[in-house]
Protein backbone atom coordinates (compact mmCIF):
# COMPACT_ATOMS: atom_id res chain seq x y z
CA UNK A 1 -45.08 5.49 19.08
CA UNK A 2 -43.08 8.45 20.44
CA UNK A 3 -40.33 6.11 21.71
CA UNK A 4 -40.17 4.32 18.37
CA UNK A 5 -39.94 7.64 16.51
CA UNK A 6 -37.13 8.79 18.81
CA UNK A 7 -35.22 5.56 18.23
CA UNK A 8 -35.68 5.92 14.48
CA UNK A 9 -34.43 9.50 14.64
CA UNK A 10 -31.33 8.46 16.62
CA UNK A 11 -30.54 5.63 14.23
CA UNK A 12 -31.11 7.62 11.05
CA UNK A 13 -27.75 9.49 11.03
CA UNK A 14 -25.86 6.19 11.48
CA UNK A 15 -27.79 4.64 8.62
CA UNK A 16 -26.94 7.62 6.41
CA UNK A 17 -23.25 7.26 7.21
CA UNK A 18 -23.40 3.56 6.37
CA UNK A 19 -25.03 4.36 3.05
CA UNK A 20 -22.21 6.79 2.32
CA UNK A 21 -19.33 4.36 2.90
CA UNK A 22 -19.18 3.64 -0.82
CA UNK A 23 -18.91 7.38 -1.56
CA UNK A 24 -16.23 7.77 1.13
CA UNK A 25 -14.26 4.90 -0.37
CA UNK A 26 -14.46 6.32 -3.88
CA UNK A 27 -13.32 9.75 -2.66
CA UNK A 28 -10.40 8.14 -0.84
CA UNK A 29 -9.46 6.21 -3.99
CA UNK A 30 -9.61 9.42 -6.04
CA UNK A 31 -7.09 11.14 -3.76
CA UNK A 32 -4.44 8.58 -4.65
CA UNK A 33 -2.85 9.19 -8.05
CA UNK A 34 -0.64 6.32 -9.21
CA UNK A 35 0.73 8.60 -11.95
CA UNK A 36 2.39 10.92 -9.43
CA UNK A 37 5.77 9.52 -10.51
CA UNK A 38 5.47 11.57 -13.69
CA UNK A 39 5.62 14.87 -11.78
CA UNK A 40 7.19 14.13 -8.40
CA UNK A 41 10.74 13.29 -7.37
CA UNK A 42 11.34 11.44 -4.10
CA UNK A 43 13.86 9.49 -2.05
CA UNK A 44 13.50 5.78 -1.37
CA UNK A 45 15.28 4.00 1.48
CA UNK A 46 14.95 0.23 1.32
CA UNK A 47 16.14 -2.50 3.66
CA UNK A 48 16.36 -5.94 2.02
CA UNK A 49 18.45 -8.92 3.15
CA UNK A 50 20.15 -6.72 5.70
CA UNK A 51 21.32 -4.19 3.11
CA UNK A 52 20.11 -0.58 3.18
CA UNK A 53 19.97 1.19 -0.18
CA UNK A 54 19.11 4.85 -0.54
CA UNK A 55 18.05 6.04 -3.97
CA UNK A 56 16.54 9.10 -5.59
CA UNK A 57 13.81 9.01 -8.22
CA UNK A 58 13.49 11.95 -10.64
CA UNK A 59 11.25 11.74 -13.74
CA UNK A 60 13.23 14.54 -15.42
CA UNK A 61 16.34 12.37 -15.72
CA UNK A 62 17.00 9.84 -18.48
CA UNK A 63 17.89 7.28 -15.80
CA UNK A 64 15.08 8.08 -13.43
CA UNK A 65 16.64 6.19 -10.53
CA UNK A 66 19.97 7.11 -8.95
CA UNK A 67 21.60 4.97 -6.26
CA UNK A 68 22.92 7.42 -3.65
CA UNK A 69 24.32 5.13 -0.97
CA UNK A 70 24.55 1.45 -0.12
CA UNK A 71 24.82 0.76 3.62
CA UNK A 72 25.89 4.37 4.01
CA UNK A 73 28.80 4.20 1.55
CA UNK A 74 29.29 5.27 -2.05
CA UNK A 75 28.22 2.41 -4.35
CA UNK A 76 30.49 0.86 -6.98
CA UNK A 77 29.74 1.03 -10.72
CA UNK A 78 28.75 -2.64 -10.65
CA UNK A 79 26.31 -2.01 -7.80
CA UNK A 80 24.85 0.99 -9.60
CA UNK A 81 24.34 -1.08 -12.75
CA UNK A 82 22.62 -3.86 -10.79
CA UNK A 83 20.40 -1.27 -9.11
CA UNK A 84 19.30 0.19 -12.45
CA UNK A 85 18.47 -3.28 -13.80
CA UNK A 86 16.41 -4.06 -10.73
CA UNK A 87 14.51 -0.77 -10.95
CA UNK A 88 13.87 -1.37 -14.65
CA UNK A 89 12.24 -4.72 -13.80
CA UNK A 90 10.15 -3.03 -11.12
CA UNK A 91 8.88 -0.57 -13.73
CA UNK A 92 7.91 -3.39 -16.07
CA UNK A 93 5.86 -4.96 -13.28
CA UNK A 94 3.85 -1.81 -12.67
CA UNK A 95 0.88 -2.88 -14.78
CA UNK A 96 -1.93 -0.42 -15.44
CA UNK A 97 -4.02 -0.04 -12.29
CA UNK A 98 -2.17 -2.72 -10.28
CA UNK A 99 -0.74 -0.18 -7.85
CA UNK A 100 -4.03 1.49 -7.10
CA UNK A 101 -5.57 0.72 -3.69
CA UNK A 102 -8.87 -0.41 -5.24
CA UNK A 103 -7.00 -3.17 -7.11
CA UNK A 104 -6.03 -4.67 -3.75
CA UNK A 105 -9.54 -5.23 -2.44
CA UNK A 106 -13.09 -6.23 -3.17
CA UNK A 107 -14.98 -2.96 -2.50
CA UNK A 108 -18.26 -4.80 -1.99
CA UNK A 109 -16.75 -6.62 1.00
CA UNK A 110 -15.97 -3.38 2.88
CA UNK A 111 -17.19 -3.48 6.48
CA UNK A 112 -16.79 -0.88 9.26
CA UNK A 113 -15.08 -2.27 12.35
CA UNK A 114 -14.24 0.96 14.22
CA UNK A 115 -15.10 4.64 14.01
CA UNK A 116 -13.63 7.53 16.02
CA UNK A 117 -13.73 11.31 15.68
CA UNK A 118 -10.71 11.20 13.37
CA UNK A 119 -10.93 8.00 11.29
CA UNK A 120 -12.88 5.06 9.94
CA UNK A 121 -11.32 1.59 10.17
CA UNK A 122 -12.65 -0.99 7.72
CA UNK A 123 -11.97 -4.61 6.99
CA UNK A 124 -12.26 -6.11 3.52
CA UNK A 125 -11.59 -9.19 1.43
CA UNK A 126 -8.26 -8.74 -0.41
CA UNK A 127 -8.12 -9.19 -4.19
CA UNK A 128 -5.27 -10.33 -6.41
CA UNK A 129 -4.21 -12.45 -9.35
CA UNK A 130 -3.95 -15.60 -7.20
CA UNK A 131 -7.38 -15.85 -5.59
CA UNK A 132 -6.56 -19.18 -3.88
CA UNK A 133 -3.76 -17.35 -2.11
CA UNK A 134 -5.76 -14.22 -1.33
CA UNK A 135 -8.67 -16.09 0.24
CA UNK A 136 -6.41 -16.79 3.21
CA UNK A 137 -5.76 -13.07 3.76
CA UNK A 138 -7.46 -10.52 6.01
CA UNK A 139 -7.49 -6.87 4.99
CA UNK A 140 -7.81 -3.62 6.95
CA UNK A 141 -7.89 -0.03 5.75
CA UNK A 142 -8.00 3.25 7.67
CA UNK A 143 -9.41 6.46 6.16
CA UNK A 144 -8.80 9.84 7.76
CA UNK A 145 -12.04 11.77 8.28
CA UNK A 146 -10.65 15.28 7.82
CA UNK A 147 -8.93 14.61 4.49
CA UNK A 148 -10.85 11.55 3.30
CA UNK A 149 -7.45 10.06 2.45
CA UNK A 150 -6.31 6.49 3.04
CA UNK A 151 -3.86 6.25 5.94
CA UNK A 152 -2.93 2.60 5.55
CA UNK A 153 -3.84 -0.69 3.89
CA UNK A 154 -2.86 -3.86 5.72
CA UNK A 155 -3.15 -7.36 4.21
CA UNK A 156 -1.96 -10.33 6.21
CA UNK A 157 -2.55 -14.00 6.93
CA UNK A 158 -4.21 -14.90 10.21
CA UNK A 159 -2.74 -18.43 10.28
CA UNK A 160 -0.50 -20.72 8.25
CA UNK A 161 -2.05 -22.16 5.09
CA UNK A 162 -1.36 -24.22 1.97
CA UNK A 163 -2.06 -22.19 -1.19
CA UNK A 164 -0.98 -25.09 -3.42
CA UNK A 165 0.41 -28.61 -3.21
CA UNK A 166 3.72 -28.86 -1.38
CA UNK A 167 3.76 -25.24 -0.20
CA UNK A 168 2.91 -23.98 3.27
CA UNK A 169 2.91 -20.27 4.02
CA UNK A 170 3.57 -19.63 7.69
CA UNK A 171 3.31 -15.84 7.59
CA UNK A 172 2.42 -13.20 5.01
CA UNK A 173 2.15 -9.44 5.36
CA UNK A 174 1.83 -6.47 3.05
CA UNK A 175 1.34 -3.06 4.65
CA UNK A 176 1.19 0.24 2.79
CA UNK A 177 1.09 3.60 4.57
CA UNK A 178 0.20 6.83 2.80
CA UNK A 179 0.67 10.58 3.16
CA UNK A 180 0.29 13.75 1.13
CA UNK A 181 3.34 14.72 -0.93
CA UNK A 182 2.80 18.23 0.46
CA UNK A 183 -0.15 20.22 1.81
CA UNK A 184 -1.83 20.46 -1.59
CA UNK A 185 -0.21 17.48 -3.29
CA UNK A 186 -1.59 14.04 -4.08
CA UNK A 187 -1.73 11.12 -1.65
CA UNK A 188 1.43 9.09 -2.16
CA UNK A 189 3.23 6.15 -0.56
CA UNK A 190 4.99 6.89 2.71
CA UNK A 191 6.18 3.38 3.54
CA UNK A 192 5.78 -0.24 2.57
CA UNK A 193 6.48 -3.46 4.46
CA UNK A 194 6.46 -6.94 3.00
CA UNK A 195 7.02 -10.23 4.79
CA UNK A 196 6.68 -13.85 3.70
CA UNK A 197 7.77 -16.96 5.52
CA UNK A 198 7.08 -20.28 3.83
CA UNK A 199 8.33 -23.82 3.21
CA UNK A 200 8.16 -25.68 -0.10
CA UNK A 201 8.05 -29.47 -0.28
CA UNK A 202 9.41 -29.73 3.25
CA UNK A 203 12.90 -28.69 2.15
CA UNK A 204 13.09 -25.18 0.72
CA UNK A 205 12.69 -22.36 3.24
CA UNK A 206 11.56 -18.92 2.13
CA UNK A 207 12.04 -16.08 4.59
CA UNK A 208 11.99 -12.59 3.10
CA UNK A 209 11.46 -9.15 4.57
CA UNK A 210 11.42 -5.84 2.74
CA UNK A 211 10.98 -2.45 4.36
CA UNK A 212 10.77 0.74 2.27
CA UNK A 213 10.36 4.38 3.34
CA UNK A 214 9.62 7.20 0.87
CA UNK A 215 10.47 10.80 1.71
CA UNK A 216 11.61 14.19 0.37
CA UNK A 217 8.87 14.48 -2.21
CA UNK A 218 9.48 17.35 -4.62
CA UNK A 219 7.17 18.57 -7.35
CA UNK A 220 9.10 18.74 -10.64
CA UNK A 221 6.23 18.86 -13.13
CA UNK A 222 4.75 21.80 -15.00
CA UNK A 223 2.19 23.61 -12.88
CA UNK A 224 1.56 22.41 -9.35
């Protein structure tokens, strides 16, 4: 009886932590504010198709996005116009709630795979508009213990798959990394990587990579 009681006592803290994973997840979600673009300016450096663009976002400006450099040089008026059109389309695609971390996963599928003194590492079933596509994905998320903030979300395919007739996806990856805008600021995006390699109907090859880094966050709202 004494041994059983000791074992129960030793296991009880672990059980309590497991019961609190849902609370931990909700607190981590709450620390990310997808409306931070209304009060924060930042710099975006993107590499796409071998071209590096560096832009500045500022919600105080009529044209919120400004193209600073393109491959390290001053962009032309035509390139600036194309950049603004592209950013306008990006804004239209930012549907309500779609950029929030909880929209990328099924919270009920959350499972602890590693715990250290500094973080929890979970796996989860990814969520999305195309469920037939997402069912081939594996998801991982790390939460920092000291801040209860999400450090990264990683969604990737473990093997090639056919999401629909005539299409084979050989590789897929979306990885988001997060940080605080400043010591007291909200959790915001620090970097994003996207990769897809696929073949359609045995003829059309798709091979795209996008790498984005966000930096120089500056509070430009009312009261911080």
